[in-house]
Amino acid sequence: VRIAALGAAAIRGNNEQWSRVAAETRPTPGLYAVCETMRSTLAGSAWTRARTQDPLSWRCVPFVAGPLVDVVADLRAEVVSTLNMRAENPRYADGAVFHHGSFMLTGLGVRLDAARLAAVQWISSSVARLVKLMDPAFTGLGRFQADGPAGSSGLMVLEYTAGSALETVRTLADPSS
């Protein structure tokens, strides 16, 4: 999120997108945390915004990263619960035998699926932000931030690598629970 914030500064993004007002539109702990991180990362920075509505990859940072933060917190709680549960079957308690299905980790599987799906959304928007950072129309720098003769590839390899990684993650994100 801090990198996304720095990228927003690089394109002279509209800071309304991580304002308290924006956070209150979908008040969740993750969204509040992301907006606060954006604000604190850019505290003291000043620029004249380049446009009213930034590309979606920046405008929606809090609304993509916030759910990922929430899902990861939920997953972490489920992992802790799973590690600390007494799932043996049958369970011996109070002098009796109890047969149950607690060994089924459906709750963990569902949360892992949600985390993968939320990660795909975040990675997808991250790749879109990277593409914009390579575009002179957004940064005022050379294409692919190259500083050399016309046609220099600069950081193009990062864009290709990120796109390939996104497709790998996207392929692996199908729910399995």
C-alpha atoms as a PDB file:
ATOM      1  CA  VAL A   1       0.000   0.000   0.000  1.00  0.00           C
ATOM      2  CA  ARG A   2       2.896   2.351   0.714  1.00  0.00           C
ATOM      3  CA  ILE A   3       4.255   1.678  -2.780  1.00  0.00           C
ATOM      4  CA  ALA A   4       0.820   2.419  -4.248  1.00  0.00           C
ATOM      5  CA  ALA A   5       0.822   5.666  -2.268  1.00  0.00           C
ATOM      6  CA  LEU A   6       4.208   6.651  -3.670  1.00  0.00           C
ATOM      7  CA  GLY A   7       2.958   5.781  -7.154  1.00  0.00           C
ATOM      8  CA  ALA A   8      -0.040   8.037  -6.587  1.00  0.00           C
ATOM      9  CA  ALA A   9       2.363  10.850  -5.800  1.00  0.00           C
ATOM     10  CA  ALA A  10       4.342  10.073  -8.967  1.00  0.00           C
ATOM     11  CA  ILE A  11       1.251  10.483 -11.143  1.00  0.00           C
ATOM     12  CA  ARG A  12       0.007  13.443  -9.083  1.00  0.00           C
ATOM     13  CA  GLY A  13      -3.036  11.477  -7.984  1.00  0.00           C
ATOM     14  CA  ASN A  14      -6.166  12.869  -6.428  1.00  0.00           C
ATOM     15  CA  ASN A  15      -5.858  12.445  -2.658  1.00  0.00           C
ATOM     16  CA  GLU A  16      -9.649  12.373  -2.216  1.00  0.00           C
ATOM     17  CA  GLN A  17      -9.540   8.640  -2.943  1.00  0.00           C
ATOM     18  CA  TRP A  18      -7.932   7.825   0.427  1.00  0.00           C
ATOM     19  CA  SER A  19      -9.633  10.552   2.454  1.00  0.00           C
ATOM     20  CA  ARG A  20     -11.648   9.886   5.578  1.00  0.00           C
ATOM     21  CA  VAL A  21     -14.772  10.687   3.560  1.00  0.00           C
ATOM     22  CA  ALA A  22     -13.886   7.940   1.062  1.00  0.00           C
ATOM     23  CA  ALA A  23     -13.158   5.488   3.890  1.00  0.00           C
ATOM     24  CA  GLU A  24     -16.578   6.121   5.408  1.00  0.00           C
ATOM     25  CA  THR A  25     -18.316   4.946   2.219  1.00  0.00           C
ATOM     26  CA  ARG A  26     -17.500   1.309   3.067  1.00  0.00           C
ATOM     27  CA  PRO A  27     -16.382   1.381   6.689  1.00  0.00           C
ATOM     28  CA  THR A  28     -14.351  -1.744   7.368  1.00  0.00           C
ATOM     29  CA  PRO A  29     -11.168  -2.099   9.435  1.00  0.00           C
ATOM     30  CA  GLY A  30      -9.103  -2.925   6.347  1.00  0.00           C
ATOM     31  CA  LEU A  31     -10.363   0.048   4.368  1.00  0.00           C
ATOM     32  CA  TYR A  32      -9.696   2.419   7.264  1.00  0.00           C
ATOM     33  CA  ALA A  33      -6.184   0.963   7.693  1.00  0.00           C
ATOM     34  CA  VAL A  34      -5.372   1.326   3.998  1.00  0.00           C
ATOM     35  CA  CYS A  35      -6.626   4.900   3.823  1.00  0.00           C
ATOM     36  CA  GLU A  36      -4.672   5.790   6.948  1.00  0.00           C
ATOM     37  CA  THR A  37      -1.530   4.181   5.518  1.00  0.00           C
ATOM     38  CA  MET A  38      -1.961   6.161   2.302  1.00  0.00           C
ATOM     39  CA  ARG A  39      -2.444   9.388   4.246  1.00  0.00           C
ATOM     40  CA  SER A  40       0.479   8.802   6.614  1.00  0.00           C
ATOM     41  CA  THR A  41       2.806   7.741   3.797  1.00  0.00           C
ATOM     42  CA  LEU A  42       2.087  10.939   1.896  1.00  0.00           C
ATOM     43  CA  ALA A  43       1.826  13.264   4.913  1.00  0.00           C
ATOM     44  CA  GLY A  44       3.665  16.476   4.194  1.00  0.00           C
ATOM     45  CA  SER A  45       3.715  15.844   0.443  1.00  0.00           C
ATOM     46  CA  ALA A  46       2.066  18.377  -1.807  1.00  0.00           C
ATOM     47  CA  TRP A  47       1.255  18.431  -5.493  1.00  0.00           C
ATOM     48  CA  THR A  48      -1.423  19.701  -7.784  1.00  0.00           C
ATOM     49  CA  ARG A  49      -3.546  16.791  -8.831  1.00  0.00           C
ATOM     50  CA  ALA A  50      -3.345  15.969 -12.518  1.00  0.00           C
ATOM     51  CA  ARG A  51      -6.957  14.877 -12.943  1.00  0.00           C
ATOM     52  CA  THR A  52     -10.235  14.677 -11.056  1.00  0.00           C
ATOM     53  CA  GLN A  53     -10.566  10.921 -11.513  1.00  0.00           C
ATOM     54  CA  ASP A  54      -7.381   8.880 -11.577  1.00  0.00           C
ATOM     55  CA  PRO A  55      -7.149   5.551 -13.366  1.00  0.00           C
ATOM     56  CA  LEU A  56      -9.089   2.874 -11.486  1.00  0.00           C
ATOM     57  CA  SER A  57      -5.879   1.162 -10.401  1.00  0.00           C
ATOM     58  CA  TRP A  58      -5.141   4.153  -8.136  1.00  0.00           C
ATOM     59  CA  ARG A  59      -8.622   5.429  -7.438  1.00  0.00           C
ATOM     60  CA  CYS A  60      -9.632   2.037  -6.073  1.00  0.00           C
ATOM     61  CA  VAL A  61      -6.504   1.216  -4.002  1.00  0.00           C
ATOM     62  CA  PRO A  62      -8.374   1.436  -0.671  1.00  0.00           C
ATOM     63  CA  PHE A  63     -11.326  -0.522  -2.023  1.00  0.00           C
ATOM     64  CA  VAL A  64      -9.155  -3.360  -3.332  1.00  0.00           C
ATOM     65  CA  ALA A  65      -6.485  -3.444  -0.626  1.00  0.00           C
ATOM     66  CA  GLY A  66      -8.962  -2.944   2.247  1.00  0.00           C
ATOM     67  CA  PRO A  67     -10.846  -6.193   1.606  1.00  0.00           C
ATOM     68  CA  LEU A  68      -7.520  -8.019   1.227  1.00  0.00           C
ATOM     69  CA  VAL A  69      -6.442  -6.697   4.634  1.00  0.00           C
ATOM     70  CA  ASP A  70      -9.767  -7.838   6.128  1.00  0.00           C
ATOM     71  CA  VAL A  71      -9.590 -11.275   4.505  1.00  0.00           C
ATOM     72  CA  VAL A  72      -6.009 -11.817   5.681  1.00  0.00           C
ATOM     73  CA  ALA A  73      -7.010 -10.861   9.235  1.00  0.00           C
ATOM     74  CA  ASP A  74      -9.909 -13.336   9.072  1.00  0.00           C
ATOM     75  CA  LEU A  75      -7.599 -16.017   7.660  1.00  0.00           C
ATOM     76  CA  ARG A  76      -5.029 -15.390  10.383  1.00  0.00           C
ATOM     77  CA  ALA A  77      -7.710 -15.790  13.072  1.00  0.00           C
ATOM     78  CA  GLU A  78      -8.906 -19.038  11.452  1.00  0.00           C
ATOM     79  CA  VAL A  79      -5.351 -20.414  11.278  1.00  0.00           C
ATOM     80  CA  VAL A  80      -4.824 -19.644  14.972  1.00  0.00           C
ATOM     81  CA  SER A  81      -8.168 -21.251  15.805  1.00  0.00           C
ATOM     82  CA  THR A  82      -7.355 -24.314  13.691  1.00  0.00           C
ATOM     83  CA  LEU A  83      -3.937 -24.748  15.284  1.00  0.00           C
ATOM     84  CA  ASN A  84      -5.430 -24.518  18.769  1.00  0.00           C
ATOM     85  CA  MET A  85      -8.506 -26.697  18.298  1.00  0.00           C
ATOM     86  CA  ARG A  86      -8.941 -30.232  19.559  1.00  0.00           C
ATOM     87  CA  ALA A  87     -10.057 -31.917  16.389  1.00  0.00           C
ATOM     88  CA  GLU A  88      -9.280 -35.525  17.209  1.00  0.00           C
ATOM     89  CA  ASN A  89     -12.144 -37.866  16.385  1.00  0.00           C
ATOM     90  CA  PRO A  90     -13.572 -39.274  18.458  1.00  0.00           C
ATOM     91  CA  ARG A  91     -13.082 -36.770  21.214  1.00  0.00           C
ATOM     92  CA  TYR A  92     -12.915 -37.966  24.779  1.00  0.00           C
ATOM     93  CA  ALA A  93     -14.338 -35.452  27.197  1.00  0.00           C
ATOM     94  CA  ASP A  94     -16.270 -35.514  30.428  1.00  0.00           C
ATOM     95  CA  GLY A  95     -15.802 -39.282  30.678  1.00  0.00           C
ATOM     96  CA  ALA A  96     -17.572 -39.915  27.363  1.00  0.00           C
ATOM     97  CA  VAL A  97     -16.775 -40.391  23.681  1.00  0.00           C
ATOM     98  CA  PHE A  98     -17.995 -37.767  21.210  1.00  0.00           C
ATOM     99  CA  HIS A  99     -17.951 -38.444  17.455  1.00  0.00           C
ATOM    100  CA  HIS A 100     -17.853 -35.345  15.266  1.00  0.00           C
ATOM    101  CA  GLY A 101     -16.587 -33.892  11.997  1.00  0.00           C
ATOM    102  CA  SER A 102     -14.268 -31.218  13.344  1.00  0.00           C
ATOM    103  CA  PHE A 103     -11.403 -32.625  11.301  1.00  0.00           C
ATOM    104  CA  MET A 104     -13.049 -31.062   8.226  1.00  0.00           C
ATOM    105  CA  LEU A 105     -11.261 -27.770   7.644  1.00  0.00           C
ATOM    106  CA  THR A 106     -13.896 -26.181   5.452  1.00  0.00           C
ATOM    107  CA  GLY A 107     -13.667 -22.866   7.304  1.00  0.00           C
ATOM    108  CA  LEU A 108      -9.931 -22.727   6.658  1.00  0.00           C
ATOM    109  CA  GLY A 109     -10.376 -23.694   3.005  1.00  0.00           C
ATOM    110  CA  VAL A 110     -13.013 -21.032   2.413  1.00  0.00           C
ATOM    111  CA  ARG A 111     -10.821 -18.359   3.992  1.00  0.00           C
ATOM    112  CA  LEU A 112      -7.813 -19.467   1.925  1.00  0.00           C
ATOM    113  CA  ASP A 113      -9.971 -19.237  -1.202  1.00  0.00           C
ATOM    114  CA  ALA A 114     -11.106 -15.734  -0.236  1.00  0.00           C
ATOM    115  CA  ALA A 115      -7.506 -14.671   0.406  1.00  0.00           C
ATOM    116  CA  ARG A 116      -6.397 -15.952  -3.001  1.00  0.00           C
ATOM    117  CA  LEU A 117      -9.256 -14.190  -4.769  1.00  0.00           C
ATOM    118  CA  ALA A 118      -8.593 -10.928  -2.918  1.00  0.00           C
ATOM    119  CA  ALA A 119      -4.870 -11.226  -3.710  1.00  0.00           C
ATOM    120  CA  VAL A 120      -5.660 -11.575  -7.425  1.00  0.00           C
ATOM    121  CA  GLN A 121      -7.629  -8.332  -7.306  1.00  0.00           C
ATOM    122  CA  TRP A 122      -4.759  -6.569  -5.562  1.00  0.00           C
ATOM    123  CA  ILE A 123      -2.081  -7.960  -7.888  1.00  0.00           C
ATOM    124  CA  SER A 124      -4.183  -7.128 -10.938  1.00  0.00           C
ATOM    125  CA  SER A 125      -4.548  -3.503  -9.859  1.00  0.00           C
ATOM    126  CA  SER A 126      -0.833  -3.412  -8.979  1.00  0.00           C
ATOM    127  CA  VAL A 127       0.083  -4.478 -12.513  1.00  0.00           C
ATOM    128  CA  ALA A 128      -2.248  -1.800 -13.884  1.00  0.00           C
ATOM    129  CA  ARG A 129      -0.500   0.804 -11.717  1.00  0.00           C
ATOM    130  CA  LEU A 130       2.888  -0.392 -12.942  1.00  0.00           C
ATOM    131  CA  VAL A 131       1.737  -0.007 -16.558  1.00  0.00           C
ATOM    132  CA  LYS A 132       0.717   3.585 -15.852  1.00  0.00           C
ATOM    133  CA  LEU A 133       4.085   4.305 -14.190  1.00  0.00           C
ATOM    134  CA  MET A 134       5.735   3.281 -17.480  1.00  0.00           C
ATOM    135  CA  ASP A 135       3.573   5.721 -19.463  1.00  0.00           C
ATOM    136  CA  PRO A 136       4.961   9.219 -20.101  1.00  0.00           C
ATOM    137  CA  ALA A 137       1.417  10.623 -20.129  1.00  0.00           C
ATOM    138  CA  PHE A 138       1.173   9.884 -16.394  1.00  0.00           C
ATOM    139  CA  THR A 139       4.739  10.468 -15.174  1.00  0.00           C
ATOM    140  CA  GLY A 140       6.314  12.886 -17.631  1.00  0.00           C
ATOM    141  CA  LEU A 141       9.266  10.480 -17.844  1.00  0.00           C
ATOM    142  CA  GLY A 142      10.425   8.473 -20.849  1.00  0.00           C
ATOM    143  CA  ARG A 143       8.457   5.400 -21.931  1.00  0.00           C
ATOM    144  CA  PHE A 144       9.286   2.554 -19.537  1.00  0.00           C
ATOM    145  CA  GLN A 145      11.218   5.221 -17.608  1.00  0.00           C
ATOM    146  CA  ALA A 146      14.096   4.688 -20.035  1.00  0.00           C
ATOM    147  CA  ASP A 147      16.810   7.297 -20.131  1.00  0.00           C
ATOM    148  CA  GLY A 148      18.566   6.589 -23.383  1.00  0.00           C
ATOM    149  CA  PRO A 149      18.115   6.613 -27.123  1.00  0.00           C
ATOM    150  CA  ALA A 150      14.623   6.281 -28.628  1.00  0.00           C
ATOM    151  CA  GLY A 151      13.410   2.705 -28.345  1.00  0.00           C
ATOM    152  CA  SER A 152      15.266   1.956 -25.094  1.00  0.00           C
ATOM    153  CA  SER A 153      13.419  -0.629 -23.042  1.00  0.00           C
ATOM    154  CA  GLY A 154      14.110   0.826 -19.584  1.00  0.00           C
ATOM    155  CA  LEU A 155      12.028  -1.012 -17.000  1.00  0.00           C
ATOM    156  CA  MET A 156       9.849  -2.805 -19.555  1.00  0.00           C
ATOM    157  CA  VAL A 157      11.012  -6.169 -18.205  1.00  0.00           C
ATOM    158  CA  LEU A 158       9.252  -5.349 -14.909  1.00  0.00           C
ATOM    159  CA  GLU A 159       5.964  -4.902 -16.737  1.00  0.00           C
ATOM    160  CA  TYR A 160       6.386  -8.210 -18.573  1.00  0.00           C
ATOM    161  CA  THR A 161       7.412 -10.041 -15.404  1.00  0.00           C
ATOM    162  CA  ALA A 162       4.519  -8.582 -13.418  1.00  0.00           C
ATOM    163  CA  GLY A 163       2.031  -9.533 -16.147  1.00  0.00           C
ATOM    164  CA  SER A 164       3.351 -13.090 -16.215  1.00  0.00           C
ATOM    165  CA  ALA A 165       3.213 -13.370 -12.419  1.00  0.00           C
ATOM    166  CA  LEU A 166      -0.366 -12.064 -12.435  1.00  0.00           C
ATOM    167  CA  GLU A 167      -1.440 -14.771 -14.861  1.00  0.00           C
ATOM    168  CA  THR A 168       0.201 -17.448 -12.718  1.00  0.00           C
ATOM    169  CA  VAL A 169      -1.536 -16.193  -9.589  1.00  0.00           C
ATOM    170  CA  ARG A 170      -4.828 -15.832 -11.431  1.00  0.00           C
ATOM    171  CA  THR A 171      -4.598 -19.441 -12.624  1.00  0.00           C
ATOM    172  CA  LEU A 172      -3.906 -20.673  -9.109  1.00  0.00           C
ATOM    173  CA  ALA A 173      -6.704 -18.625  -7.534  1.00  0.00           C
ATOM    174  CA  ASP A 174      -9.619 -20.869  -8.473  1.00  0.00           C
ATOM    175  CA  PRO A 175     -11.494 -21.760  -5.293  1.00  0.00           C
ATOM    176  CA  SER A 176     -10.624 -25.198  -4.029  1.00  0.00           C
ATOM    177  CA  SER A 177     -12.810 -25.482  -0.957  1.00  0.00           C
END
